[in-house]
Protein backbone atom coordinates (compact mmCIF):
# COMPACT_ATOMS: atom_id res chain seq x y z
CA MET A 1 110.95 75.79 98.97
CA PHE A 2 111.95 75.98 95.07
CA LEU A 3 111.43 78.98 93.11
CA GLY A 4 112.79 78.63 89.19
CA HIS A 5 114.53 75.72 90.21
CA VAL A 6 116.71 77.80 92.70
CA VAL A 7 117.09 76.51 96.56
CA LYS A 8 117.15 80.01 98.20
CA GLN A 9 115.00 81.73 100.61
CA CYS A 10 111.63 82.61 98.89
CA ALA A 11 107.94 83.17 99.87
CA LEU A 12 104.42 82.45 98.62
CA TYR A 13 101.64 84.52 100.81
CA SER A 14 98.11 84.68 100.17
CA ILE A 15 95.60 87.12 101.74
CA GLY A 16 92.06 87.82 100.95
CA LYS A 17 91.67 90.90 98.62
CA VAL A 18 92.64 94.11 100.68
CA ASP A 19 91.03 96.93 98.24
CA SER A 20 92.27 98.44 94.93
CA ASN A 21 95.15 97.99 93.14
CA GLU A 22 96.95 100.94 94.39
CA THR A 23 96.30 99.33 98.25
CA ASN A 24 97.38 95.87 96.88
CA THR A 25 100.83 97.34 95.48
CA ALA A 26 101.12 98.99 98.61
CA PHE A 27 100.74 96.21 100.66
CA SER A 28 103.31 94.02 98.47
CA ALA A 29 105.91 96.67 98.70
CA GLY A 30 105.49 96.87 102.51
CA LEU A 31 105.95 93.00 102.54
CA ALA A 32 108.98 93.16 100.26
CA GLU A 33 110.63 95.18 102.62
CA LEU A 34 109.97 92.73 105.71
CA LEU A 35 110.89 89.85 103.74
CA ALA A 36 114.01 91.17 102.62
CA LYS A 37 114.59 93.00 106.35
CA TYR A 38 113.90 89.99 108.46
CA PHE A 39 114.22 87.01 106.27
CA GLY A 40 116.52 87.60 103.75
CA VAL A 41 113.98 87.20 100.77
CA ALA A 42 114.68 89.14 97.54
CA GLY A 43 112.04 91.11 95.97
CA ASP A 44 112.26 88.62 93.07
CA ARG A 45 111.71 85.72 95.16
CA TYR A 46 107.81 85.85 96.57
CA TYR A 47 104.76 86.12 95.18
CA VAL A 48 101.44 87.67 96.71
CA ASN A 49 98.53 86.19 95.97
CA PHE A 50 95.18 88.75 96.22
CA ILE A 51 92.31 86.43 96.29
CA ASP A 52 88.69 88.02 96.18
CA MET A 53 87.26 85.83 99.14
CA GLU A 54 83.16 85.39 99.58
CA ARG A 55 81.70 85.78 102.97
CA HIS A 56 81.52 81.89 103.52
CA GLN A 57 85.12 81.47 102.67
CA CYS A 58 86.24 83.49 105.74
CA GLY A 59 86.29 81.81 108.99
CA PHE A 60 86.16 83.54 112.36
CA LYS A 61 85.04 82.59 115.94
CA ALA A 62 84.12 78.96 114.73
CA ALA A 63 81.60 80.56 111.96
CA THR A 64 81.84 82.45 108.78
CA PHE A 65 80.79 85.84 107.97
CA ALA A 66 78.24 84.25 105.78
CA PRO A 67 74.37 85.27 106.77
CA LEU A 68 72.93 82.74 108.79
CA SER A 69 69.90 80.77 107.65
């Protein structure tokens, strides 16, 4: 994967919205630590997308969390 036209370790991670900006910041910091320690990915070589998902966009046990009609 390329990031900034450079071939080095990098990462892209998407997660459903966790909570507040403070929680997302803490999650991002923890992820940065793990990526660096186990995969050699520097803090400026990854992106995290926090996505505010609706219930029908999250699947579980062959269904979604949307209310059944």
